[in-house]
PDB file of N, CA and C in Angstrom:
ATOM      1  N   UNK A   1     133.670 101.459  95.333  1.00  0.00           N
ATOM      2  CA  UNK A   1     132.703 100.652  94.707  1.00  0.00           C
ATOM      3  C   UNK A   1     132.564  99.327  95.354  1.00  0.00           C
ATOM      4  N   UNK A   2     131.373  98.933  95.553  1.00  0.00           N
ATOM      5  CA  UNK A   2     131.098  97.550  96.268  1.00  0.00           C
ATOM      6  C   UNK A   2     130.107  96.813  95.401  1.00  0.00           C
ATOM      7  N   UNK A   3     130.515  95.631  95.180  1.00  0.00           N
ATOM      8  CA  UNK A   3     129.656  94.680  94.344  1.00  0.00           C
ATOM      9  C   UNK A   3     128.851  93.900  95.294  1.00  0.00           C
ATOM     10  N   UNK A   4     127.637  93.622  95.115  1.00  0.00           N
ATOM     11  CA  UNK A   4     126.645  92.733  95.888  1.00  0.00           C
ATOM     12  C   UNK A   4     126.397  91.518  94.928  1.00  0.00           C
ATOM     13  N   UNK A   5     126.965  90.530  95.580  1.00  0.00           N
ATOM     14  CA  UNK A   5     126.828  89.138  94.751  1.00  0.00           C
ATOM     15  C   UNK A   5     126.019  88.149  95.575  1.00  0.00           C
ATOM     16  N   UNK A   6     125.348  88.416  96.550  1.00  0.00           N
ATOM     17  CA  UNK A   6     124.398  87.425  97.097  1.00  0.00           C
ATOM     18  C   UNK A   6     123.121  88.150  97.496  1.00  0.00           C
ATOM     19  N   UNK A   7     122.055  87.368  97.834  1.00  0.00           N
ATOM     20  CA  UNK A   7     120.717  87.786  97.943  1.00  0.00           C
ATOM     21  C   UNK A   7     120.464  88.835  99.164  1.00  0.00           C
ATOM     22  N   UNK A   8     119.749  89.983  98.887  1.00  0.00           N
ATOM     23  CA  UNK A   8     119.537  91.070  99.745  1.00  0.00           C
ATOM     24  C   UNK A   8     118.044  91.401  99.618  1.00  0.00           C
ATOM     25  N   UNK A   9     117.277  91.235 100.738  1.00  0.00           N
ATOM     26  CA  UNK A   9     115.857  91.710 100.646  1.00  0.00           C
ATOM     27  C   UNK A   9     115.687  93.178 100.658  1.00  0.00           C
ATOM     28  N   UNK A  10     114.883  93.714  99.967  1.00  0.00           N
ATOM     29  CA  UNK A  10     114.554  95.184 100.056  1.00  0.00           C
ATOM     30  C   UNK A  10     113.079  95.425  99.990  1.00  0.00           C
ATOM     31  N   UNK A  11     112.514  96.329 100.664  1.00  0.00           N
ATOM     32  CA  UNK A  11     111.051  96.740 100.656  1.00  0.00           C
ATOM     33  C   UNK A  11     110.920  97.881  99.687  1.00  0.00           C
ATOM     34  N   UNK A  12     109.976  97.820  98.865  1.00  0.00           N
ATOM     35  CA  UNK A  12     109.805  98.913  97.796  1.00  0.00           C
ATOM     36  C   UNK A  12     108.733  99.935  98.317  1.00  0.00           C
ATOM     37  N   UNK A  13     108.984 101.315  98.271  1.00  0.00           N
ATOM     38  CA  UNK A  13     108.427 102.340  98.740  1.00  0.00           C
ATOM     39  C   UNK A  13     107.774 103.228  97.550  1.00  0.00           C
ATOM     40  N   UNK A  14     108.525 103.312  96.531  1.00  0.00           N
ATOM     41  CA  UNK A  14     108.040 104.092  95.383  1.00  0.00           C
ATOM     42  C   UNK A  14     108.652 103.559  94.226  1.00  0.00           C
ATOM     43  N   UNK A  15     107.998 103.469  93.091  1.00  0.00           N
ATOM     44  CA  UNK A  15     108.340 103.011  91.629  1.00  0.00           C
ATOM     45  C   UNK A  15     108.290 104.121  90.666  1.00  0.00           C
ATOM     46  N   UNK A  16     109.255 104.353  89.988  1.00  0.00           N
ATOM     47  CA  UNK A  16     109.173 105.166  88.761  1.00  0.00           C
ATOM     48  C   UNK A  16     109.830 104.346  87.624  1.00  0.00           C
ATOM     49  N   UNK A  17     108.867 104.088  86.533  1.00  0.00           N
ATOM     50  CA  UNK A  17     109.442 103.402  85.321  1.00  0.00           C
ATOM     51  C   UNK A  17     109.884 104.437  84.335  1.00  0.00           C
ATOM     52  N   UNK A  18     110.928 103.897  83.595  1.00  0.00           N
ATOM     53  CA  UNK A  18     111.505 104.850  82.457  1.00  0.00           C
ATOM     54  C   UNK A  18     111.646 103.956  81.241  1.00  0.00           C
ATOM     55  N   UNK A  19     112.001 104.343  80.215  1.00  0.00           N
ATOM     56  CA  UNK A  19     112.125 103.479  78.943  1.00  0.00           C
ATOM     57  C   UNK A  19     113.176 102.348  79.040  1.00  0.00           C
ATOM     58  N   UNK A  20     114.317 102.765  79.754  1.00  0.00           N
ATOM     59  CA  UNK A  20     115.401 101.731  79.913  1.00  0.00           C
ATOM     60  C   UNK A  20     115.863 101.326  81.087  1.00  0.00           C
ATOM     61  N   UNK A  21     115.220 101.946  82.261  1.00  0.00           N
ATOM     62  CA  UNK A  21     115.478 101.690  83.602  1.00  0.00           C
ATOM     63  C   UNK A  21     114.493 101.961  84.533  1.00  0.00           C
ATOM     64  N   UNK A  22     114.492 101.422  85.633  1.00  0.00           N
ATOM     65  CA  UNK A  22     113.418 101.812  86.702  1.00  0.00           C
ATOM     66  C   UNK A  22     114.128 102.332  87.981  1.00  0.00           C
ATOM     67  N   UNK A  23     113.586 103.360  88.617  1.00  0.00           N
ATOM     68  CA  UNK A  23     114.149 103.916  89.763  1.00  0.00           C
ATOM     69  C   UNK A  23     113.212 103.476  90.896  1.00  0.00           C
ATOM     70  N   UNK A  24     113.787 103.015  92.037  1.00  0.00           N
ATOM     71  CA  UNK A  24     112.939 102.597  93.184  1.00  0.00           C
ATOM     72  C   UNK A  24     113.535 103.350  94.449  1.00  0.00           C
ATOM     73  N   UNK A  25     112.489 103.631  95.263  1.00  0.00           N
ATOM     74  CA  UNK A  25     112.846 104.057  96.579  1.00  0.00           C
ATOM     75  C   UNK A  25     112.615 102.903  97.527  1.00  0.00           C
ATOM     76  N   UNK A  26     113.610 102.442  98.177  1.00  0.00           N
ATOM     77  CA  UNK A  26     113.595 101.113  99.022  1.00  0.00           C
ATOM     78  C   UNK A  26     114.084 101.321 100.277  1.00  0.00           C
ATOM     79  N   UNK A  27     113.954 100.251 101.064  1.00  0.00           N
ATOM     80  CA  UNK A  27     114.482 100.375 102.591  1.00  0.00           C
ATOM     81  C   UNK A  27     114.963  98.825 102.647  1.00  0.00           C
ATOM     82  N   UNK A  28     115.962  98.777 103.752  1.00  0.00           N
ATOM     83  CA  UNK A  28     116.511  97.531 104.251  1.00  0.00           C
ATOM     84  C   UNK A  28     116.595  97.637 105.737  1.00  0.00           C
ATOM     85  N   UNK A  29     116.668  96.580 106.368  1.00  0.00           N
ATOM     86  CA  UNK A  29     116.743  96.591 107.825  1.00  0.00           C
ATOM     87  C   UNK A  29     117.708  95.569 108.420  1.00  0.00           C
ATOM     88  N   UNK A  30     118.367  95.730 109.609  1.00  0.00           N
ATOM     89  CA  UNK A  30     119.139  94.851 110.138  1.00  0.00           C
ATOM     90  C   UNK A  30     118.729  94.754 111.724  1.00  0.00           C
ATOM     91  N   UNK A  31     118.655  93.556 112.356  1.00  0.00           N
ATOM     92  CA  UNK A  31     118.278  93.468 113.581  1.00  0.00           C
ATOM     93  C   UNK A  31     119.748  93.543 114.401  1.00  0.00           C
ATOM     94  N   UNK A  32     119.598  94.536 115.298  1.00  0.00           N
ATOM     95  CA  UNK A  32     120.907  94.676 116.174  1.00  0.00           C
ATOM     96  C   UNK A  32     120.760  93.752 117.403  1.00  0.00           C
ATOM     97  N   UNK A  33     121.937  93.692 118.055  1.00  0.00           N
ATOM     98  CA  UNK A  33     121.976  92.837 119.219  1.00  0.00           C
ATOM     99  C   UNK A  33     121.179  93.104 120.300  1.00  0.00           C
ATOM    100  N   UNK A  34     120.732  94.340 120.515  1.00  0.00           N
ATOM    101  CA  UNK A  34     119.641  94.647 121.472  1.00  0.00           C
ATOM    102  C   UNK A  34     118.273  94.240 121.060  1.00  0.00           C
ATOM    103  N   UNK A  35     118.045  93.678 119.906  1.00  0.00           N
ATOM    104  CA  UNK A  35     116.644  93.315 119.464  1.00  0.00           C
ATOM    105  C   UNK A  35     115.999  94.482 118.764  1.00  0.00           C
ATOM    106  N   UNK A  36     116.562  95.680 118.620  1.00  0.00           N
ATOM    107  CA  UNK A  36     115.879  96.726 117.736  1.00  0.00           C
ATOM    108  C   UNK A  36     116.333  96.573 116.331  1.00  0.00           C
ATOM    109  N   UNK A  37     115.623  97.197 115.485  1.00  0.00           N
ATOM    110  CA  UNK A  37     116.086  97.183 114.079  1.00  0.00           C
ATOM    111  C   UNK A  37     116.563  98.511 113.616  1.00  0.00           C
ATOM    112  N   UNK A  38     117.547  98.440 112.822  1.00  0.00           N
ATOM    113  CA  UNK A  38     118.208  99.683 112.394  1.00  0.00           C
ATOM    114  C   UNK A  38     117.865  99.554 110.845  1.00  0.00           C
ATOM    115  N   UNK A  39     117.057 100.615 110.320  1.00  0.00           N
ATOM    116  CA  UNK A  39     116.576 100.772 108.886  1.00  0.00           C
ATOM    117  C   UNK A  39     117.338 101.566 108.149  1.00  0.00           C
ATOM    118  N   UNK A  40     117.466 101.455 106.778  1.00  0.00           N
ATOM    119  CA  UNK A  40     118.148 102.324 105.961  1.00  0.00           C
ATOM    120  C   UNK A  40     117.344 102.521 104.666  1.00  0.00           C
ATOM    121  N   UNK A  41     117.270 103.837 104.178  1.00  0.00           N
ATOM    122  CA  UNK A  41     116.590 103.950 102.991  1.00  0.00           C
ATOM    123  C   UNK A  41     117.573 104.198 101.855  1.00  0.00           C
ATOM    124  N   UNK A  42     117.234 103.819 100.706  1.00  0.00           N
ATOM    125  CA  UNK A  42     118.127 103.767  99.476  1.00  0.00           C
ATOM    126  C   UNK A  42     117.250 104.207  98.208  1.00  0.00           C
ATOM    127  N   UNK A  43     117.972 104.574  97.208  1.00  0.00           N
ATOM    128  CA  UNK A  43     117.406 104.712  96.055  1.00  0.00           C
ATOM    129  C   UNK A  43     118.148 103.708  95.024  1.00  0.00           C
ATOM    130  N   UNK A  44     117.360 102.955  94.400  1.00  0.00           N
ATOM    131  CA  UNK A  44     117.843 101.803  93.565  1.00  0.00           C
ATOM    132  C   UNK A  44     117.602 101.779  92.237  1.00  0.00           C
ATOM    133  N   UNK A  45     118.400 101.652  91.328  1.00  0.00           N
ATOM    134  CA  UNK A  45     118.126 101.865  89.852  1.00  0.00           C
ATOM    135  C   UNK A  45     118.174 100.497  89.377  1.00  0.00           C
ATOM    136  N   UNK A  46     117.161 100.007  88.591  1.00  0.00           N
ATOM    137  CA  UNK A  46     117.218  98.525  87.881  1.00  0.00           C
ATOM    138  C   UNK A  46     117.506  98.761  86.622  1.00  0.00           C
ATOM    139  N   UNK A  47     118.633  97.947  86.060  1.00  0.00           N
ATOM    140  CA  UNK A  47     119.065  98.083  84.722  1.00  0.00           C
ATOM    141  C   UNK A  47     119.100  96.731  84.214  1.00  0.00           C
ATOM    142  N   UNK A  48     119.207  96.476  82.879  1.00  0.00           N
ATOM    143  CA  UNK A  48     119.578  95.211  82.153  1.00  0.00           C
ATOM    144  C   UNK A  48     118.442  94.202  82.550  1.00  0.00           C
ATOM    145  N   UNK A  49     118.929  93.116  83.095  1.00  0.00           N
ATOM    146  CA  UNK A  49     117.845  92.043  83.410  1.00  0.00           C
ATOM    147  C   UNK A  49     117.068  92.379  84.522  1.00  0.00           C
ATOM    148  N   UNK A  50     117.661  93.178  85.610  1.00  0.00           N
ATOM    149  CA  UNK A  50     116.753  93.574  86.608  1.00  0.00           C
ATOM    150  C   UNK A  50     115.693  94.510  86.167  1.00  0.00           C
ATOM    151  N   UNK A  51     115.941  95.389  85.263  1.00  0.00           N
ATOM    152  CA  UNK A  51     114.765  96.179  84.633  1.00  0.00           C
ATOM    153  C   UNK A  51     113.664  95.372  84.083  1.00  0.00           C
ATOM    154  N   UNK A  52     114.111  94.489  83.258  1.00  0.00           N
ATOM    155  CA  UNK A  52     113.090  93.273  82.789  1.00  0.00           C
ATOM    156  C   UNK A  52     112.272  92.506  83.964  1.00  0.00           C
ATOM    157  N   UNK A  53     112.973  92.238  84.935  1.00  0.00           N
ATOM    158  CA  UNK A  53     112.354  91.490  86.060  1.00  0.00           C
ATOM    159  C   UNK A  53     111.495  92.409  86.845  1.00  0.00           C
ATOM    160  N   UNK A  54     111.736  93.627  86.881  1.00  0.00           N
ATOM    161  CA  UNK A  54     110.935  94.618  87.722  1.00  0.00           C
ATOM    162  C   UNK A  54     109.908  95.412  87.015  1.00  0.00           C
ATOM    163  N   UNK A  55     109.533  95.000  85.834  1.00  0.00           N
ATOM    164  CA  UNK A  55     108.497  95.666  84.963  1.00  0.00           C
ATOM    165  C   UNK A  55     107.180  95.909  85.681  1.00  0.00           C
ATOM    166  N   UNK A  56     106.640  94.958  86.588  1.00  0.00           N
ATOM    167  CA  UNK A  56     105.421  95.029  87.305  1.00  0.00           C
ATOM    168  C   UNK A  56     105.479  95.373  88.713  1.00  0.00           C
ATOM    169  N   UNK A  57     106.706  95.842  89.320  1.00  0.00           N
ATOM    170  CA  UNK A  57     106.623  96.224  90.689  1.00  0.00           C
ATOM    171  C   UNK A  57     105.779  97.327  91.021  1.00  0.00           C
ATOM    172  N   UNK A  58     105.308  97.237  92.113  1.00  0.00           N
ATOM    173  CA  UNK A  58     104.508  98.359  92.693  1.00  0.00           C
ATOM    174  C   UNK A  58     104.819  98.552  94.260  1.00  0.00           C
ATOM    175  N   UNK A  59     104.396  99.757  94.769  1.00  0.00           N
ATOM    176  CA  UNK A  59     104.788 100.095  96.085  1.00  0.00           C
ATOM    177  C   UNK A  59     104.295  99.039  97.059  1.00  0.00           C
ATOM    178  N   UNK A  60     105.090  98.639  97.977  1.00  0.00           N
ATOM    179  CA  UNK A  60     104.739  97.602  99.005  1.00  0.00           C
ATOM    180  C   UNK A  60     105.390  96.262  98.719  1.00  0.00           C
ATOM    181  N   UNK A  61     105.826  96.083  97.474  1.00  0.00           N
ATOM    182  CA  UNK A  61     106.449  94.696  97.134  1.00  0.00           C
ATOM    183  C   UNK A  61     107.760  94.542  97.993  1.00  0.00           C
ATOM    184  N   UNK A  62     108.108  93.457  98.056  1.00  0.00           N
ATOM    185  CA  UNK A  62     109.391  93.020  98.719  1.00  0.00           C
ATOM    186  C   UNK A  62     110.252  92.276  97.627  1.00  0.00           C
ATOM    187  N   UNK A  63     111.467  92.670  97.242  1.00  0.00           N
ATOM    188  CA  UNK A  63     112.277  91.996  96.171  1.00  0.00           C
ATOM    189  C   UNK A  63     113.422  91.536  96.745  1.00  0.00           C
ATOM    190  N   UNK A  64     114.238  90.799  96.079  1.00  0.00           N
ATOM    191  CA  UNK A  64     115.549  90.408  96.505  1.00  0.00           C
ATOM    192  C   UNK A  64     116.525  90.949  95.449  1.00  0.00           C
ATOM    193  N   UNK A  65     117.644  91.626  95.896  1.00  0.00           N
ATOM    194  CA  UNK A  65     118.560  92.088  94.951  1.00  0.00           C
ATOM    195  C   UNK A  65     119.750  90.908  95.075  1.00  0.00           C
ATOM    196  N   UNK A  66     120.030  90.187  93.885  1.00  0.00           N
ATOM    197  CA  UNK A  66     120.968  89.181  93.769  1.00  0.00           C
ATOM    198  C   UNK A  66     122.310  89.723  93.275  1.00  0.00           C
ATOM    199  N   UNK A  67     122.422  90.773  92.364  1.00  0.00           N
ATOM    200  CA  UNK A  67     123.719  91.248  92.112  1.00  0.00           C
ATOM    201  C   UNK A  67     123.369  92.671  91.817  1.00  0.00           C
ATOM    202  N   UNK A  68     124.346  93.645  92.270  1.00  0.00           N
ATOM    203  CA  UNK A  68     124.293  94.964  92.123  1.00  0.00           C
ATOM    204  C   UNK A  68     125.624  95.648  92.449  1.00  0.00           C
ATOM    205  N   UNK A  69     125.553  96.911  92.335  1.00  0.00           N
ATOM    206  CA  UNK A  69     126.834  97.709  92.809  1.00  0.00           C
ATOM    207  C   UNK A  69     126.522  99.054  93.468  1.00  0.00           C
ATOM    208  N   UNK A  70     127.301  99.249  94.404  1.00  0.00           N
ATOM    209  CA  UNK A  70     127.343 100.556  95.164  1.00  0.00           C
ATOM    210  C   UNK A  70     128.464 101.369  94.792  1.00  0.00           C
ATOM    211  N   UNK A  71     128.125 102.751  94.552  1.00  0.00           N
ATOM    212  CA  UNK A  71     129.262 103.622  94.296  1.00  0.00           C
ATOM    213  C   UNK A  71     128.911 104.940  95.034  1.00  0.00           C
ATOM    214  N   UNK A  72     129.992 105.618  95.339  1.00  0.00           N
ATOM    215  CA  UNK A  72     129.824 106.870  96.145  1.00  0.00           C
ATOM    216  C   UNK A  72     130.701 107.901  95.378  1.00  0.00           C
ATOM    217  N   UNK A  73     130.059 108.661  94.461  1.00  0.00           N
ATOM    218  CA  UNK A  73     130.794 109.496  93.464  1.00  0.00           C
ATOM    219  C   UNK A  73     130.779 110.974  94.049  1.00  0.00           C
ATOM    220  N   UNK A  74     131.945 111.579  94.156  1.00  0.00           N
ATOM    221  CA  UNK A  74     132.149 112.789  94.620  1.00  0.00           C
ATOM    222  C   UNK A  74     132.146 113.839  93.436  1.00  0.00           C
ATOM    223  N   UNK A  75     131.330 114.840  93.523  1.00  0.00           N
ATOM    224  CA  UNK A  75     131.125 115.814  92.477  1.00  0.00           C
ATOM    225  C   UNK A  75     132.000 117.094  93.040  1.00  0.00           C
ATOM    226  N   UNK A  76     133.149 117.247  92.471  1.00  0.00           N
ATOM    227  CA  UNK A  76     133.928 118.266  92.901  1.00  0.00           C
ATOM    228  C   UNK A  76     133.384 119.807  92.736  1.00  0.00           C
ATOM    229  N   UNK A  77     132.497 119.921  91.644  1.00  0.00           N
ATOM    230  CA  UNK A  77     131.987 121.248  91.477  1.00  0.00           C
ATOM    231  C   UNK A  77     130.916 121.574  92.686  1.00  0.00           C
ATOM    232  N   UNK A  78     130.054 120.658  92.872  1.00  0.00           N
ATOM    233  CA  UNK A  78     129.053 120.767  93.991  1.00  0.00           C
ATOM    234  C   UNK A  78     129.565 120.472  95.464  1.00  0.00           C
ATOM    235  N   UNK A  79     130.809 119.992  95.546  1.00  0.00           N
ATOM    236  CA  UNK A  79     131.415 119.528  96.747  1.00  0.00           C
ATOM    237  C   UNK A  79     130.429 118.600  97.531  1.00  0.00           C
ATOM    238  N   UNK A  80     129.991 117.574  96.784  1.00  0.00           N
ATOM    239  CA  UNK A  80     128.920 116.679  97.360  1.00  0.00           C
ATOM    240  C   UNK A  80     129.078 115.251  96.880  1.00  0.00           C
ATOM    241  N   UNK A  81     128.935 114.264  97.735  1.00  0.00           N
ATOM    242  CA  UNK A  81     128.897 112.900  97.175  1.00  0.00           C
ATOM    243  C   UNK A  81     127.643 112.417  96.907  1.00  0.00           C
ATOM    244  N   UNK A  82     127.450 111.454  95.991  1.00  0.00           N
ATOM    245  CA  UNK A  82     126.183 110.908  95.632  1.00  0.00           C
ATOM    246  C   UNK A  82     126.305 109.314  95.614  1.00  0.00           C
ATOM    247  N   UNK A  83     125.467 108.614  96.540  1.00  0.00           N
ATOM    248  CA  UNK A  83     125.557 107.263  96.605  1.00  0.00           C
ATOM    249  C   UNK A  83     124.545 106.670  95.556  1.00  0.00           C
ATOM    250  N   UNK A  84     125.209 105.876  94.726  1.00  0.00           N
ATOM    251  CA  UNK A  84     124.333 105.137  93.787  1.00  0.00           C
ATOM    252  C   UNK A  84     124.349 103.607  94.110  1.00  0.00           C
ATOM    253  N   UNK A  85     123.118 103.065  93.990  1.00  0.00           N
ATOM    254  CA  UNK A  85     122.843 101.680  94.132  1.00  0.00           C
ATOM    255  C   UNK A  85     122.166 101.152  92.890  1.00  0.00           C
ATOM    256  N   UNK A  86     122.874 100.352  92.043  1.00  0.00           N
ATOM    257  CA  UNK A  86     122.384  99.870  90.865  1.00  0.00           C
ATOM    258  C   UNK A  86     122.324  98.303  90.922  1.00  0.00           C
ATOM    259  N   UNK A  87     121.116  97.768  90.495  1.00  0.00           N
ATOM    260  CA  UNK A  87     120.863  96.261  90.568  1.00  0.00           C
ATOM    261  C   UNK A  87     120.849  95.927  89.099  1.00  0.00           C
ATOM    262  N   UNK A  88     121.694  94.716  88.888  1.00  0.00           N
ATOM    263  CA  UNK A  88     121.770  93.899  87.663  1.00  0.00           C
ATOM    264  C   UNK A  88     120.821  92.801  87.570  1.00  0.00           C
ATOM    265  N   UNK A  89     120.507  92.179  88.697  1.00  0.00           N
ATOM    266  CA  UNK A  89     119.648  90.981  88.832  1.00  0.00           C
ATOM    267  C   UNK A  89     118.879  90.909  90.074  1.00  0.00           C
ATOM    268  N   UNK A  90     117.593  90.838  89.951  1.00  0.00           N
ATOM    269  CA  UNK A  90     116.676  90.922  91.146  1.00  0.00           C
ATOM    270  C   UNK A  90     115.655  89.725  90.950  1.00  0.00           C
ATOM    271  N   UNK A  91     114.996  89.321  92.151  1.00  0.00           N
ATOM    272  CA  UNK A  91     113.824  88.500  92.040  1.00  0.00           C
ATOM    273  C   UNK A  91     112.643  89.244  92.463  1.00  0.00           C
ATOM    274  N   UNK A  92     111.603  89.388  91.849  1.00  0.00           N
ATOM    275  CA  UNK A  92     110.406  90.127  92.203  1.00  0.00           C
ATOM    276  C   UNK A  92     109.312  89.125  92.251  1.00  0.00           C
ATOM    277  N   UNK A  93     108.240  89.635  92.821  1.00  0.00           N
ATOM    278  CA  UNK A  93     106.867  88.806  92.933  1.00  0.00           C
ATOM    279  C   UNK A  93     106.433  88.532  91.590  1.00  0.00           C
ATOM    280  N   UNK A  94     105.925  87.193  91.504  1.00  0.00           N
ATOM    281  CA  UNK A  94     105.324  86.920  90.132  1.00  0.00           C
ATOM    282  C   UNK A  94     103.836  87.182  90.272  1.00  0.00           C
ATOM    283  N   UNK A  95     103.270  87.935  89.688  1.00  0.00           N
ATOM    284  CA  UNK A  95     101.870  88.348  89.663  1.00  0.00           C
ATOM    285  C   UNK A  95     100.925  87.513  88.825  1.00  0.00           C
ATOM    286  N   UNK A  96      99.816  87.137  89.388  1.00  0.00           N
ATOM    287  CA  UNK A  96      98.775  86.383  88.582  1.00  0.00           C
ATOM    288  C   UNK A  96      97.931  87.558  87.808  1.00  0.00           C
ATOM    289  N   UNK A  97      97.623  87.290  86.651  1.00  0.00           N
ATOM    290  CA  UNK A  97      96.894  88.461  85.779  1.00  0.00           C
ATOM    291  C   UNK A  97      95.586  88.665  86.483  1.00  0.00           C
ATOM    292  N   UNK A  98      95.273  90.011  86.450  1.00  0.00           N
ATOM    293  CA  UNK A  98      94.023  90.574  86.917  1.00  0.00           C
ATOM    294  C   UNK A  98      93.721  90.194  88.404  1.00  0.00           C
ATOM    295  N   UNK A  99      94.848  90.021  89.198  1.00  0.00           N
ATOM    296  CA  UNK A  99      94.572  89.673  90.619  1.00  0.00           C
ATOM    297  C   UNK A  99      95.660  90.472  91.450  1.00  0.00           C
ATOM    298  N   UNK A 100      95.276  90.837  92.735  1.00  0.00           N
ATOM    299  CA  UNK A 100      96.249  91.473  93.529  1.00  0.00           C
ATOM    300  C   UNK A 100      97.146  90.594  94.141  1.00  0.00           C
ATOM    301  N   UNK A 101      96.934  89.344  94.221  1.00  0.00           N
ATOM    302  CA  UNK A 101      97.873  88.480  95.018  1.00  0.00           C
ATOM    303  C   UNK A 101      98.830  88.132  94.171  1.00  0.00           C
ATOM    304  N   UNK A 102     100.092  87.782  94.906  1.00  0.00           N
ATOM    305  CA  UNK A 102     101.327  87.370  94.163  1.00  0.00           C
ATOM    306  C   UNK A 102     102.178  86.421  95.231  1.00  0.00           C
ATOM    307  N   UNK A 103     103.035  85.797  94.446  1.00  0.00           N
ATOM    308  CA  UNK A 103     103.886  84.946  95.185  1.00  0.00           C
ATOM    309  C   UNK A 103     105.321  85.242  94.996  1.00  0.00           C
ATOM    310  N   UNK A 104     106.050  85.274  96.156  1.00  0.00           N
ATOM    311  CA  UNK A 104     107.455  85.654  96.051  1.00  0.00           C
ATOM    312  C   UNK A 104     108.260  84.507  95.520  1.00  0.00           C
ATOM    313  N   UNK A 105     109.387  84.613  94.939  1.00  0.00           N
ATOM    314  CA  UNK A 105     110.144  83.617  94.307  1.00  0.00           C
ATOM    315  C   UNK A 105     111.149  83.056  95.258  1.00  0.00           C
ATOM    316  N   UNK A 106     111.532  83.705  96.309  1.00  0.00           N
ATOM    317  CA  UNK A 106     112.367  83.114  97.388  1.00  0.00           C
ATOM    318  C   UNK A 106     111.651  82.850  98.583  1.00  0.00           C
ATOM    319  N   UNK A 107     112.091  81.999  99.592  1.00  0.00           N
ATOM    320  CA  UNK A 107     111.585  81.587 100.719  1.00  0.00           C
ATOM    321  C   UNK A 107     112.019  82.439 101.927  1.00  0.00           C
ATOM    322  N   UNK A 108     111.340  82.606 103.018  1.00  0.00           N
ATOM    323  CA  UNK A 108     111.931  83.333 104.187  1.00  0.00           C
ATOM    324  C   UNK A 108     113.176  82.809 104.640  1.00  0.00           C
ATOM    325  N   UNK A 109     113.548  81.585 104.313  1.00  0.00           N
ATOM    326  CA  UNK A 109     114.842  80.929 104.823  1.00  0.00           C
ATOM    327  C   UNK A 109     116.146  81.479 104.242  1.00  0.00           C
ATOM    328  N   UNK A 110     115.866  82.243 102.926  1.00  0.00           N
ATOM    329  CA  UNK A 110     116.903  82.806 102.219  1.00  0.00           C
ATOM    330  C   UNK A 110     117.158  84.192 102.660  1.00  0.00           C
ATOM    331  N   UNK A 111     116.543  84.767 103.582  1.00  0.00           N
ATOM    332  CA  UNK A 111     116.842  86.142 104.146  1.00  0.00           C
ATOM    333  C   UNK A 111     118.183  86.307 104.677  1.00  0.00           C
ATOM    334  N   UNK A 112     118.985  87.248 104.362  1.00  0.00           N
ATOM    335  CA  UNK A 112     120.188  87.555 105.142  1.00  0.00           C
ATOM    336  C   UNK A 112     120.440  88.991 105.302  1.00  0.00           C
ATOM    337  N   UNK A 113     119.642  89.927 104.695  1.00  0.00           N
ATOM    338  CA  UNK A 113     119.788  91.378 104.852  1.00  0.00           C
ATOM    339  C   UNK A 113     121.226  91.922 104.378  1.00  0.00           C
ATOM    340  N   UNK A 114     121.362  93.090 104.572  1.00  0.00           N
ATOM    341  CA  UNK A 114     122.594  93.686 104.220  1.00  0.00           C
ATOM    342  C   UNK A 114     123.844  93.452 105.163  1.00  0.00           C
ATOM    343  N   UNK A 115     123.548  93.079 106.331  1.00  0.00           N
ATOM    344  CA  UNK A 115     124.362  92.705 107.330  1.00  0.00           C
ATOM    345  C   UNK A 115     123.947  91.235 107.709  1.00  0.00           C
ATOM    346  N   UNK A 116     124.926  90.340 107.980  1.00  0.00           N
ATOM    347  CA  UNK A 116     124.653  89.085 108.462  1.00  0.00           C
ATOM    348  C   UNK A 116     123.580  88.895 109.547  1.00  0.00           C
ATOM    349  N   UNK A 117     122.399  88.440 109.439  1.00  0.00           N
ATOM    350  CA  UNK A 117     121.579  88.083 110.500  1.00  0.00           C
ATOM    351  C   UNK A 117     120.985  86.887 110.529  1.00  0.00           C
ATOM    352  N   UNK A 118     120.447  86.441 111.645  1.00  0.00           N
ATOM    353  CA  UNK A 118     120.024  85.012 111.737  1.00  0.00           C
ATOM    354  C   UNK A 118     118.746  84.903 110.817  1.00  0.00           C
ATOM    355  N   UNK A 119     118.665  83.859 110.178  1.00  0.00           N
ATOM    356  CA  UNK A 119     117.522  83.531 109.190  1.00  0.00           C
ATOM    357  C   UNK A 119     116.237  83.313 109.782  1.00  0.00           C
ATOM    358  N   UNK A 120     116.176  83.143 111.163  1.00  0.00           N
ATOM    359  CA  UNK A 120     114.880  83.095 111.960  1.00  0.00           C
ATOM    360  C   UNK A 120     114.342  84.495 112.278  1.00  0.00           C
ATOM    361  N   UNK A 121     115.095  85.581 111.985  1.00  0.00           N
ATOM    362  CA  UNK A 121     114.546  86.836 112.295  1.00  0.00           C
ATOM    363  C   UNK A 121     113.552  87.182 111.231  1.00  0.00           C
ATOM    364  N   UNK A 122     112.399  87.983 111.469  1.00  0.00           N
ATOM    365  CA  UNK A 122     111.626  88.355 110.571  1.00  0.00           C
ATOM    366  C   UNK A 122     112.009  89.626 109.946  1.00  0.00           C
ATOM    367  N   UNK A 123     111.517  89.956 108.738  1.00  0.00           N
ATOM    368  CA  UNK A 123     111.902  91.127 108.028  1.00  0.00           C
ATOM    369  C   UNK A 123     111.180  92.305 108.835  1.00  0.00           C
ATOM    370  N   UNK A 124     111.846  93.344 109.079  1.00  0.00           N
ATOM    371  CA  UNK A 124     111.344  94.493 110.084  1.00  0.00           C
ATOM    372  C   UNK A 124     110.325  95.487 109.358  1.00  0.00           C
ATOM    373  N   UNK A 125     109.981  95.083 108.105  1.00  0.00           N
ATOM    374  CA  UNK A 125     108.978  96.078 107.370  1.00  0.00           C
ATOM    375  C   UNK A 125     107.935  95.190 106.736  1.00  0.00           C
TER     376      UNK A 125
END
């Protein structure tokens, strides 16, 4: 199990809202030394405070995960591991009512990705 305790930017590709949690399909990226980006896809579950903060998320949004947990649970019966990414605290875009425009709560200077990368790098998605 790994705890995430600092800001991580993720791009939202799919949103499914449930009564007590929200499931997201997201991606993250890291700029490699050769200048190319390595992207990873994740399934992220929003619970607790993150669930409340993510009520208005939609496809295409970029959010920050401030606190979360990664687990890799092995199912002995199926002989398969399942990677789970759960967020407890996020920052989502704040939407203006009846408008498509939104403003993100963090600045580009806060970006650090899942691996340490230079803050002058652009998000690859």
